[in-house]
Amino acid sequence: MKRRIRGIKNRPRLCVFRSNKHIYAQIIDDSNNQIIASSSTLTQIMKQNMKLSNNCDAARSIGKNIAQKSKALGIREIVFDRQNKIYHGRIQALAEAVRKEGIKF
């Protein structure tokens, strides 16, 4: 049986979704069912700064962006949810960028 990953108020969930062309990251408070912050390769600011949206460099910039947004909201610890994707490639690049910004998980 699969356990469900849940975030709490003082430690929300960082949910990462990867498609073939884009990568999305959301910080979710599961106790209130609210998305606190989000970032993706589809946002206008991110589109201007990157040439390709489906490589590790794009994932690193999304990770850095979501970490900066969470630090601005006072979030220092999160629960990482990779949605059954293996911890490799773009998922790993995003996670390492978030850790490098000082967010713990």
PDB file of N, CA and C in Angstrom:
ATOM      1  N   MET A   1       0.835  -1.184   0.000  1.00  0.00           N
ATOM      2  CA  MET A   1       0.000   0.000   0.000  1.00  0.00           C
ATOM      3  C   MET A   1       0.880   1.248   0.000  1.00  0.00           C
ATOM      4  N   LYS A   2       0.527   2.201  -0.833  1.00  0.00           N
ATOM      5  CA  LYS A   2       1.305   3.429  -0.967  1.00  0.00           C
ATOM      6  C   LYS A   2       0.909   4.429   0.106  1.00  0.00           C
ATOM      7  N   ARG A   3       1.904   4.966   0.793  1.00  0.00           N
ATOM      8  CA  ARG A   3       1.640   6.011   1.772  1.00  0.00           C
ATOM      9  C   ARG A   3       1.554   7.349   1.055  1.00  0.00           C
ATOM     10  N   ARG A   4       0.678   8.190   1.522  1.00  0.00           N
ATOM     11  CA  ARG A   4       0.503   9.503   0.922  1.00  0.00           C
ATOM     12  C   ARG A   4       1.387  10.511   1.638  1.00  0.00           C
ATOM     13  N   ILE A   5       2.096  11.311   0.886  1.00  0.00           N
ATOM     14  CA  ILE A   5       2.949  12.344   1.458  1.00  0.00           C
ATOM     15  C   ILE A   5       2.089  13.562   1.758  1.00  0.00           C
ATOM     16  N   ARG A   6       2.182  14.058   2.987  1.00  0.00           N
ATOM     17  CA  ARG A   6       1.389  15.203   3.401  1.00  0.00           C
ATOM     18  C   ARG A   6       2.276  16.224   4.082  1.00  0.00           C
ATOM     19  N   GLY A   7       1.973  17.475   3.846  1.00  0.00           N
ATOM     20  CA  GLY A   7       2.676  18.555   4.508  1.00  0.00           C
ATOM     21  C   GLY A   7       1.826  19.128   5.624  1.00  0.00           C
ATOM     22  N   ILE A   8       2.472  19.751   6.585  1.00  0.00           N
ATOM     23  CA  ILE A   8       1.759  20.393   7.682  1.00  0.00           C
ATOM     24  C   ILE A   8       2.045  21.887   7.635  1.00  0.00           C
ATOM     25  N   LYS A   9       1.408  22.639   8.513  1.00  0.00           N
ATOM     26  CA  LYS A   9       1.489  24.098   8.437  1.00  0.00           C
ATOM     27  C   LYS A   9       2.920  24.624   8.561  1.00  0.00           C
ATOM     28  N   ASN A  10       3.683  24.101   9.524  1.00  0.00           N
ATOM     29  CA  ASN A  10       5.050  24.598   9.693  1.00  0.00           C
ATOM     30  C   ASN A  10       6.056  23.870   8.796  1.00  0.00           C
ATOM     31  N   ARG A  11       5.603  22.832   8.084  1.00  0.00           N
ATOM     32  CA  ARG A  11       6.472  22.115   7.151  1.00  0.00           C
ATOM     33  C   ARG A  11       5.640  21.687   5.933  1.00  0.00           C
ATOM     34  N   PRO A  12       5.389  22.624   5.003  1.00  0.00           N
ATOM     35  CA  PRO A  12       4.530  22.310   3.865  1.00  0.00           C
ATOM     36  C   PRO A  12       5.211  21.374   2.858  1.00  0.00           C
ATOM     37  N   ARG A  13       4.440  20.942   1.887  1.00  0.00           N
ATOM     38  CA  ARG A  13       4.904  19.970   0.887  1.00  0.00           C
ATOM     39  C   ARG A  13       5.343  20.696  -0.375  1.00  0.00           C
ATOM     40  N   LEU A  14       6.527  20.353  -0.882  1.00  0.00           N
ATOM     41  CA  LEU A  14       6.993  20.842  -2.177  1.00  0.00           C
ATOM     42  C   LEU A  14       6.690  19.761  -3.197  1.00  0.00           C
ATOM     43  N   CYS A  15       5.680  19.991  -4.012  1.00  0.00           N
ATOM     44  CA  CYS A  15       5.232  19.020  -5.002  1.00  0.00           C
ATOM     45  C   CYS A  15       5.857  19.374  -6.348  1.00  0.00           C
ATOM     46  N   VAL A  16       6.544  18.413  -6.956  1.00  0.00           N
ATOM     47  CA  VAL A  16       7.213  18.629  -8.230  1.00  0.00           C
ATOM     48  C   VAL A  16       6.554  17.760  -9.288  1.00  0.00           C
ATOM     49  N   PHE A  17       6.162  18.385 -10.390  1.00  0.00           N
ATOM     50  CA  PHE A  17       5.612  17.651 -11.524  1.00  0.00           C
ATOM     51  C   PHE A  17       6.488  17.913 -12.733  1.00  0.00           C
ATOM     52  N   ARG A  18       6.837  16.855 -13.432  1.00  0.00           N
ATOM     53  CA  ARG A  18       7.691  16.957 -14.613  1.00  0.00           C
ATOM     54  C   ARG A  18       6.953  16.369 -15.801  1.00  0.00           C
ATOM     55  N   SER A  19       6.824  17.176 -16.848  1.00  0.00           N
ATOM     56  CA  SER A  19       6.285  16.657 -18.103  1.00  0.00           C
ATOM     57  C   SER A  19       7.445  16.564 -19.089  1.00  0.00           C
ATOM     58  N   ASN A  20       7.164  16.193 -20.316  1.00  0.00           N
ATOM     59  CA  ASN A  20       8.232  16.085 -21.301  1.00  0.00           C
ATOM     60  C   ASN A  20       8.828  17.442 -21.656  1.00  0.00           C
ATOM     61  N   LYS A  21       8.019  18.497 -21.597  1.00  0.00           N
ATOM     62  CA  LYS A  21       8.489  19.819 -22.013  1.00  0.00           C
ATOM     63  C   LYS A  21       8.745  20.784 -20.863  1.00  0.00           C
ATOM     64  N   HIS A  22       8.070  20.601 -19.728  1.00  0.00           N
ATOM     65  CA  HIS A  22       8.134  21.598 -18.660  1.00  0.00           C
ATOM     66  C   HIS A  22       8.298  20.941 -17.297  1.00  0.00           C
ATOM     67  N   ILE A  23       8.603  21.784 -16.308  1.00  0.00           N
ATOM     68  CA  ILE A  23       8.677  21.332 -14.920  1.00  0.00           C
ATOM     69  C   ILE A  23       7.959  22.355 -14.046  1.00  0.00           C
ATOM     70  N   TYR A  24       7.210  21.857 -13.077  1.00  0.00           N
ATOM     71  CA  TYR A  24       6.382  22.684 -12.216  1.00  0.00           C
ATOM     72  C   TYR A  24       6.722  22.372 -10.765  1.00  0.00           C
ATOM     73  N   ALA A  25       6.710  23.389  -9.907  1.00  0.00           N
ATOM     74  CA  ALA A  25       6.929  23.196  -8.476  1.00  0.00           C
ATOM     75  C   ALA A  25       5.911  24.028  -7.712  1.00  0.00           C
ATOM     76  N   GLN A  26       5.278  23.406  -6.711  1.00  0.00           N
ATOM     77  CA  GLN A  26       4.291  24.090  -5.889  1.00  0.00           C
ATOM     78  C   GLN A  26       4.566  23.797  -4.426  1.00  0.00           C
ATOM     79  N   ILE A  27       4.416  24.803  -3.587  1.00  0.00           N
ATOM     80  CA  ILE A  27       4.474  24.605  -2.146  1.00  0.00           C
ATOM     81  C   ILE A  27       3.041  24.596  -1.648  1.00  0.00           C
ATOM     82  N   ILE A  28       2.643  23.467  -1.044  1.00  0.00           N
ATOM     83  CA  ILE A  28       1.246  23.236  -0.683  1.00  0.00           C
ATOM     84  C   ILE A  28       1.120  23.022   0.824  1.00  0.00           C
ATOM     85  N   ASP A  29       0.160  23.703   1.422  1.00  0.00           N
ATOM     86  CA  ASP A  29      -0.201  23.490   2.820  1.00  0.00           C
ATOM     87  C   ASP A  29      -1.392  22.542   2.829  1.00  0.00           C
ATOM     88  N   ASP A  30      -1.168  21.265   3.153  1.00  0.00           N
ATOM     89  CA  ASP A  30      -2.222  20.260   3.084  1.00  0.00           C
ATOM     90  C   ASP A  30      -3.255  20.406   4.194  1.00  0.00           C
ATOM     91  N   SER A  31      -2.914  21.035   5.310  1.00  0.00           N
ATOM     92  CA  SER A  31      -3.900  21.192   6.373  1.00  0.00           C
ATOM     93  C   SER A  31      -5.012  22.157   5.970  1.00  0.00           C
ATOM     94  N   ASN A  32      -4.687  23.162   5.135  1.00  0.00           N
ATOM     95  CA  ASN A  32      -5.688  24.111   4.656  1.00  0.00           C
ATOM     96  C   ASN A  32      -6.036  23.901   3.185  1.00  0.00           C
ATOM     97  N   ASN A  33      -5.404  22.929   2.531  1.00  0.00           N
ATOM     98  CA  ASN A  33      -5.599  22.665   1.099  1.00  0.00           C
ATOM     99  C   ASN A  33      -5.371  23.917   0.253  1.00  0.00           C
ATOM    100  N   GLN A  34      -4.229  24.574   0.490  1.00  0.00           N
ATOM    101  CA  GLN A  34      -3.906  25.799  -0.235  1.00  0.00           C
ATOM    102  C   GLN A  34      -2.536  25.694  -0.881  1.00  0.00           C
ATOM    103  N   ILE A  35      -2.416  26.278  -2.058  1.00  0.00           N
ATOM    104  CA  ILE A  35      -1.110  26.423  -2.699  1.00  0.00           C
ATOM    105  C   ILE A  35      -0.534  27.736  -2.208  1.00  0.00           C
ATOM    106  N   ILE A  36       0.623  27.646  -1.550  1.00  0.00           N
ATOM    107  CA  ILE A  36       1.242  28.829  -0.962  1.00  0.00           C
ATOM    108  C   ILE A  36       2.062  29.586  -2.002  1.00  0.00           C
ATOM    109  N   ALA A  37       2.861  28.846  -2.774  1.00  0.00           N
ATOM    110  CA  ALA A  37       3.710  29.454  -3.806  1.00  0.00           C
ATOM    111  C   ALA A  37       3.881  28.456  -4.940  1.00  0.00           C
ATOM    112  N   SER A  38       4.132  28.975  -6.137  1.00  0.00           N
ATOM    113  CA  SER A  38       4.350  28.086  -7.269  1.00  0.00           C
ATOM    114  C   SER A  38       5.320  28.720  -8.246  1.00  0.00           C
ATOM    115  N   SER A  39       5.938  27.858  -9.040  1.00  0.00           N
ATOM    116  CA  SER A  39       6.868  28.307 -10.067  1.00  0.00           C
ATOM    117  C   SER A  39       6.908  27.245 -11.149  1.00  0.00           C
ATOM    118  N   SER A  40       7.050  27.666 -12.381  1.00  0.00           N
ATOM    119  CA  SER A  40       7.146  26.707 -13.478  1.00  0.00           C
ATOM    120  C   SER A  40       7.887  27.336 -14.650  1.00  0.00           C
ATOM    121  N   THR A  41       8.205  26.494 -15.612  1.00  0.00           N
ATOM    122  CA  THR A  41       8.891  26.990 -16.806  1.00  0.00           C
ATOM    123  C   THR A  41       7.927  27.692 -17.747  1.00  0.00           C
ATOM    124  N   LEU A  42       6.644  27.721 -17.424  1.00  0.00           N
ATOM    125  CA  LEU A  42       5.661  28.407 -18.252  1.00  0.00           C
ATOM    126  C   LEU A  42       5.456  29.866 -17.857  1.00  0.00           C
ATOM    127  N   THR A  43       5.950  30.291 -16.704  1.00  0.00           N
ATOM    128  CA  THR A  43       5.771  31.686 -16.299  1.00  0.00           C
ATOM    129  C   THR A  43       6.582  32.593 -17.215  1.00  0.00           C
ATOM    130  N   GLN A  44       6.078  33.785 -17.400  1.00  0.00           N
ATOM    131  CA  GLN A  44       6.678  34.718 -18.356  1.00  0.00           C
ATOM    132  C   GLN A  44       8.115  35.077 -17.990  1.00  0.00           C
ATOM    133  N   ILE A  45       8.393  35.281 -16.714  1.00  0.00           N
ATOM    134  CA  ILE A  45       9.742  35.661 -16.274  1.00  0.00           C
ATOM    135  C   ILE A  45      10.733  34.540 -16.550  1.00  0.00           C
ATOM    136  N   MET A  46      10.319  33.305 -16.275  1.00  0.00           N
ATOM    137  CA  MET A  46      11.206  32.165 -16.497  1.00  0.00           C
ATOM    138  C   MET A  46      11.417  31.901 -17.982  1.00  0.00           C
ATOM    139  N   LYS A  47      10.401  32.121 -18.791  1.00  0.00           N
ATOM    140  CA  LYS A  47      10.535  31.902 -20.234  1.00  0.00           C
ATOM    141  C   LYS A  47      11.590  32.824 -20.839  1.00  0.00           C
ATOM    142  N   GLN A  48      11.661  34.061 -20.338  1.00  0.00           N
ATOM    143  CA  GLN A  48      12.615  35.023 -20.872  1.00  0.00           C
ATOM    144  C   GLN A  48      14.049  34.671 -20.518  1.00  0.00           C
ATOM    145  N   ASN A  49      14.263  34.024 -19.361  1.00  0.00           N
ATOM    146  CA  ASN A  49      15.610  33.758 -18.871  1.00  0.00           C
ATOM    147  C   ASN A  49      16.213  32.462 -19.370  1.00  0.00           C
ATOM    148  N   MET A  50      15.440  31.583 -20.021  1.00  0.00           N
ATOM    149  CA  MET A  50      15.976  30.295 -20.436  1.00  0.00           C
ATOM    150  C   MET A  50      15.641  30.002 -21.885  1.00  0.00           C
ATOM    151  N   LYS A  51      16.554  29.285 -22.536  1.00  0.00           N
ATOM    152  CA  LYS A  51      16.337  28.916 -23.931  1.00  0.00           C
ATOM    153  C   LYS A  51      15.470  27.671 -24.032  1.00  0.00           C
ATOM    154  N   LEU A  52      15.818  26.632 -23.281  1.00  0.00           N
ATOM    155  CA  LEU A  52      15.056  25.391 -23.281  1.00  0.00           C
ATOM    156  C   LEU A  52      14.359  25.216 -21.934  1.00  0.00           C
ATOM    157  N   SER A  53      13.181  24.622 -21.968  1.00  0.00           N
ATOM    158  CA  SER A  53      12.444  24.429 -20.718  1.00  0.00           C
ATOM    159  C   SER A  53      12.465  22.987 -20.251  1.00  0.00           C
ATOM    160  N   ASN A  54      13.144  22.110 -20.972  1.00  0.00           N
ATOM    161  CA  ASN A  54      13.121  20.691 -20.609  1.00  0.00           C
ATOM    162  C   ASN A  54      14.513  20.144 -20.322  1.00  0.00           C
ATOM    163  N   ASN A  55      15.381  20.953 -19.687  1.00  0.00           N
ATOM    164  CA  ASN A  55      16.696  20.449 -19.318  1.00  0.00           C
ATOM    165  C   ASN A  55      16.985  20.741 -17.840  1.00  0.00           C
ATOM    166  N   CYS A  56      18.119  20.279 -17.370  1.00  0.00           N
ATOM    167  CA  CYS A  56      18.467  20.417 -15.943  1.00  0.00           C
ATOM    168  C   CYS A  56      18.707  21.867 -15.546  1.00  0.00           C
ATOM    169  N   ASP A  57      19.201  22.692 -16.474  1.00  0.00           N
ATOM    170  CA  ASP A  57      19.414  24.103 -16.146  1.00  0.00           C
ATOM    171  C   ASP A  57      18.084  24.799 -15.843  1.00  0.00           C
ATOM    172  N   ALA A  58      17.059  24.478 -16.603  1.00  0.00           N
ATOM    173  CA  ALA A  58      15.731  25.042 -16.351  1.00  0.00           C
ATOM    174  C   ALA A  58      15.210  24.570 -14.994  1.00  0.00           C
ATOM    175  N   ALA A  59      15.425  23.304 -14.670  1.00  0.00           N
ATOM    176  CA  ALA A  59      14.979  22.762 -13.382  1.00  0.00           C
ATOM    177  C   ALA A  59      15.705  23.442 -12.227  1.00  0.00           C
ATOM    178  N   ARG A  60      16.993  23.716 -12.397  1.00  0.00           N
ATOM    179  CA  ARG A  60      17.745  24.415 -11.343  1.00  0.00           C
ATOM    180  C   ARG A  60      17.207  25.822 -11.123  1.00  0.00           C
ATOM    181  N   SER A  61      16.881  26.525 -12.200  1.00  0.00           N
ATOM    182  CA  SER A  61      16.374  27.884 -12.035  1.00  0.00           C
ATOM    183  C   SER A  61      14.980  27.886 -11.396  1.00  0.00           C
ATOM    184  N   ILE A  62      14.163  26.879 -11.694  1.00  0.00           N
ATOM    185  CA  ILE A  62      12.853  26.761 -11.047  1.00  0.00           C
ATOM    186  C   ILE A  62      13.039  26.459  -9.560  1.00  0.00           C
ATOM    187  N   GLY A  63      13.987  25.569  -9.232  1.00  0.00           N
ATOM    188  CA  GLY A  63      14.276  25.257  -7.838  1.00  0.00           C
ATOM    189  C   GLY A  63      14.753  26.467  -7.067  1.00  0.00           C
ATOM    190  N   LYS A  64      15.616  27.252  -7.678  1.00  0.00           N
ATOM    191  CA  LYS A  64      16.119  28.465  -7.033  1.00  0.00           C
ATOM    192  C   LYS A  64      14.980  29.459  -6.824  1.00  0.00           C
ATOM    193  N   ASN A  65      14.110  29.596  -7.812  1.00  0.00           N
ATOM    194  CA  ASN A  65      12.997  30.527  -7.736  1.00  0.00           C
ATOM    195  C   ASN A  65      12.004  30.137  -6.649  1.00  0.00           C
ATOM    196  N   ILE A  66      11.636  28.861  -6.579  1.00  0.00           N
ATOM    197  CA  ILE A  66      10.664  28.424  -5.573  1.00  0.00           C
ATOM    198  C   ILE A  66      11.265  28.515  -4.169  1.00  0.00           C
ATOM    199  N   ALA A  67      12.574  28.300  -4.044  1.00  0.00           N
ATOM    200  CA  ALA A  67      13.227  28.431  -2.738  1.00  0.00           C
ATOM    201  C   ALA A  67      13.240  29.878  -2.279  1.00  0.00           C
ATOM    202  N   GLN A  68      13.478  30.796  -3.183  1.00  0.00           N
ATOM    203  CA  GLN A  68      13.466  32.212  -2.820  1.00  0.00           C
ATOM    204  C   GLN A  68      12.065  32.664  -2.413  1.00  0.00           C
ATOM    205  N   LYS A  69      11.053  32.162  -3.112  1.00  0.00           N
ATOM    206  CA  LYS A  69       9.674  32.499  -2.749  1.00  0.00           C
ATOM    207  C   LYS A  69       9.323  31.943  -1.374  1.00  0.00           C
ATOM    208  N   SER A  70       9.779  30.724  -1.075  1.00  0.00           N
ATOM    209  CA  SER A  70       9.446  30.131   0.219  1.00  0.00           C
ATOM    210  C   SER A  70      10.195  30.825   1.354  1.00  0.00           C
ATOM    211  N   LYS A  71      11.436  31.240   1.110  1.00  0.00           N
ATOM    212  CA  LYS A  71      12.171  31.978   2.136  1.00  0.00           C
ATOM    213  C   LYS A  71      11.523  33.323   2.414  1.00  0.00           C
ATOM    214  N   ALA A  72      10.979  33.957   1.373  1.00  0.00           N
ATOM    215  CA  ALA A  72      10.290  35.230   1.563  1.00  0.00           C
ATOM    216  C   ALA A  72       9.031  35.054   2.406  1.00  0.00           C
ATOM    217  N   LEU A  73       8.429  33.872   2.341  1.00  0.00           N
ATOM    218  CA  LEU A  73       7.240  33.577   3.150  1.00  0.00           C
ATOM    219  C   LEU A  73       7.598  33.042   4.535  1.00  0.00           C
ATOM    220  N   GLY A  74       8.879  32.859   4.819  1.00  0.00           N
ATOM    221  CA  GLY A  74       9.318  32.376   6.124  1.00  0.00           C
ATOM    222  C   GLY A  74       9.345  30.867   6.248  1.00  0.00           C
ATOM    223  N   ILE A  75       9.336  30.163   5.136  1.00  0.00           N
ATOM    224  CA  ILE A  75       9.363  28.693   5.161  1.00  0.00           C
ATOM    225  C   ILE A  75      10.808  28.236   4.995  1.00  0.00           C
ATOM    226  N   ARG A  76      11.299  27.483   5.995  1.00  0.00           N
ATOM    227  CA  ARG A  76      12.682  27.003   5.968  1.00  0.00           C
ATOM    228  C   ARG A  76      12.769  25.491   5.811  1.00  0.00           C
ATOM    229  N   GLU A  77      11.682  24.770   6.146  1.00  0.00           N
ATOM    230  CA  GLU A  77      11.666  23.308   6.046  1.00  0.00           C
ATOM    231  C   GLU A  77      10.449  22.876   5.246  1.00  0.00           C
ATOM    232  N   ILE A  78      10.653  21.877   4.382  1.00  0.00           N
ATOM    233  CA  ILE A  78       9.563  21.372   3.557  1.00  0.00           C
ATOM    234  C   ILE A  78       9.613  19.852   3.515  1.00  0.00           C
ATOM    235  N   VAL A  79       8.546  19.264   2.994  1.00  0.00           N
ATOM    236  CA  VAL A  79       8.494  17.831   2.705  1.00  0.00           C
ATOM    237  C   VAL A  79       8.543  17.721   1.184  1.00  0.00           C
ATOM    238  N   PHE A  80       9.467  16.913   0.653  1.00  0.00           N
ATOM    239  CA  PHE A  80       9.657  16.819  -0.793  1.00  0.00           C
ATOM    240  C   PHE A  80       8.774  15.718  -1.362  1.00  0.00           C
ATOM    241  N   ASP A  81       7.938  16.066  -2.332  1.00  0.00           N
ATOM    242  CA  ASP A  81       7.035  15.122  -2.987  1.00  0.00           C
ATOM    243  C   ASP A  81       7.391  15.083  -4.472  1.00  0.00           C
ATOM    244  N   ARG A  82       7.948  13.967  -4.921  1.00  0.00           N
ATOM    245  CA  ARG A  82       8.367  13.839  -6.318  1.00  0.00           C
ATOM    246  C   ARG A  82       7.375  13.053  -7.157  1.00  0.00           C
ATOM    247  N   GLN A  83       6.241  12.676  -6.584  1.00  0.00           N
ATOM    248  CA  GLN A  83       5.129  12.022  -7.266  1.00  0.00           C
ATOM    249  C   GLN A  83       5.549  10.771  -8.044  1.00  0.00           C
ATOM    250  N   ASN A  84       6.200   9.858  -7.374  1.00  0.00           N
ATOM    251  CA  ASN A  84       6.617   8.564  -7.940  1.00  0.00           C
ATOM    252  C   ASN A  84       7.578   8.673  -9.106  1.00  0.00           C
ATOM    253  N   LYS A  85       8.151   9.821  -9.345  1.00  0.00           N
ATOM    254  CA  LYS A  85       9.214   9.947 -10.349  1.00  0.00           C
ATOM    255  C   LYS A  85      10.531   9.617  -9.646  1.00  0.00           C
ATOM    256  N   ILE A  86      11.456   8.990 -10.362  1.00  0.00           N
ATOM    257  CA  ILE A  86      12.716   8.644  -9.729  1.00  0.00           C
ATOM    258  C   ILE A  86      13.540   9.904  -9.467  1.00  0.00           C
ATOM    259  N   TYR A  87      14.353   9.871  -8.427  1.00  0.00           N
ATOM    260  CA  TYR A  87      15.184  11.005  -8.034  1.00  0.00           C
ATOM    261  C   TYR A  87      16.409  11.016  -8.948  1.00  0.00           C
ATOM    262  N   HIS A  88      16.219  11.577 -10.132  1.00  0.00           N
ATOM    263  CA  HIS A  88      17.261  11.551 -11.146  1.00  0.00           C
ATOM    264  C   HIS A  88      16.990  12.670 -12.147  1.00  0.00           C
ATOM    265  N   GLY A  89      18.023  13.205 -12.737  1.00  0.00           N
ATOM    266  CA  GLY A  89      17.861  14.184 -13.805  1.00  0.00           C
ATOM    267  C   GLY A  89      17.279  15.495 -13.333  1.00  0.00           C
ATOM    268  N   ARG A  90      16.174  15.912 -13.951  1.00  0.00           N
ATOM    269  CA  ARG A  90      15.580  17.219 -13.660  1.00  0.00           C
ATOM    270  C   ARG A  90      15.015  17.307 -12.257  1.00  0.00           C
ATOM    271  N   ILE A  91      14.466  16.204 -11.741  1.00  0.00           N
ATOM    272  CA  ILE A  91      13.942  16.196 -10.363  1.00  0.00           C
ATOM    273  C   ILE A  91      15.090  16.419  -9.382  1.00  0.00           C
ATOM    274  N   GLN A  92      16.191  15.733  -9.610  1.00  0.00           N
ATOM    275  CA  GLN A  92      17.362  15.865  -8.740  1.00  0.00           C
ATOM    276  C   GLN A  92      17.955  17.271  -8.838  1.00  0.00           C
ATOM    277  N   ALA A  93      18.022  17.836 -10.035  1.00  0.00           N
ATOM    278  CA  ALA A  93      18.572  19.179 -10.219  1.00  0.00           C
ATOM    279  C   ALA A  93      17.734  20.216  -9.478  1.00  0.00           C
ATOM    280  N   LEU A  94      16.409  20.077  -9.543  1.00  0.00           N
ATOM    281  CA  LEU A  94      15.538  21.001  -8.833  1.00  0.00           C
ATOM    282  C   LEU A  94      15.724  20.871  -7.323  1.00  0.00           C
ATOM    283  N   ALA A  95      15.777  19.644  -6.826  1.00  0.00           N
ATOM    284  CA  ALA A  95      15.929  19.418  -5.382  1.00  0.00           C
ATOM    285  C   ALA A  95      17.255  19.967  -4.866  1.00  0.00           C
ATOM    286  N   GLU A  96      18.329  19.761  -5.614  1.00  0.00           N
ATOM    287  CA  GLU A  96      19.629  20.257  -5.174  1.00  0.00           C
ATOM    288  C   GLU A  96      19.681  21.783  -5.194  1.00  0.00           C
ATOM    289  N   ALA A  97      18.991  22.409  -6.154  1.00  0.00           N
ATOM    290  CA  ALA A  97      18.937  23.869  -6.191  1.00  0.00           C
ATOM    291  C   ALA A  97      18.179  24.414  -4.993  1.00  0.00           C
ATOM    292  N   VAL A  98      17.124  23.728  -4.594  1.00  0.00           N
ATOM    293  CA  VAL A  98      16.348  24.159  -3.414  1.00  0.00           C
ATOM    294  C   VAL A  98      17.201  24.026  -2.160  1.00  0.00           C
ATOM    295  N   ARG A  99      17.909  22.911  -2.041  1.00  0.00           N
ATOM    296  CA  ARG A  99      18.792  22.702  -0.870  1.00  0.00           C
ATOM    297  C   ARG A  99      19.903  23.743  -0.827  1.00  0.00           C
ATOM    298  N   LYS A 100      20.442  24.086  -1.992  1.00  0.00           N
ATOM    299  CA  LYS A 100      21.541  25.053  -2.063  1.00  0.00           C
ATOM    300  C   LYS A 100      21.106  26.439  -1.570  1.00  0.00           C
ATOM    301  N   GLU A 101      19.821  26.745  -1.728  1.00  0.00           N
ATOM    302  CA  GLU A 101      19.275  28.032  -1.253  1.00  0.00           C
ATOM    303  C   GLU A 101      19.016  28.017   0.254  1.00  0.00           C
ATOM    304  N   GLY A 102      19.166  26.867   0.908  1.00  0.00           N
ATOM    305  CA  GLY A 102      19.042  26.822   2.362  1.00  0.00           C
ATOM    306  C   GLY A 102      17.743  26.231   2.879  1.00  0.00           C
ATOM    307  N   ILE A 103      16.929  25.640   2.021  1.00  0.00           N
ATOM    308  CA  ILE A 103      15.699  24.998   2.450  1.00  0.00           C
ATOM    309  C   ILE A 103      16.016  23.560   2.821  1.00  0.00           C
ATOM    310  N   LYS A 104      15.539  23.108   3.975  1.00  0.00           N
ATOM    311  CA  LYS A 104      15.839  21.750   4.448  1.00  0.00           C
ATOM    312  C   LYS A 104      14.683  20.816   4.175  1.00  0.00           C
ATOM    313  N   PHE A 105      15.038  19.590   3.723  1.00  0.00           N
ATOM    314  CA  PHE A 105      14.052  18.506   3.598  1.00  0.00           C
ATOM    315  C   PHE A 105      14.747  17.177   3.591  1.00  0.00           C
TER     316      PHE A 105
END
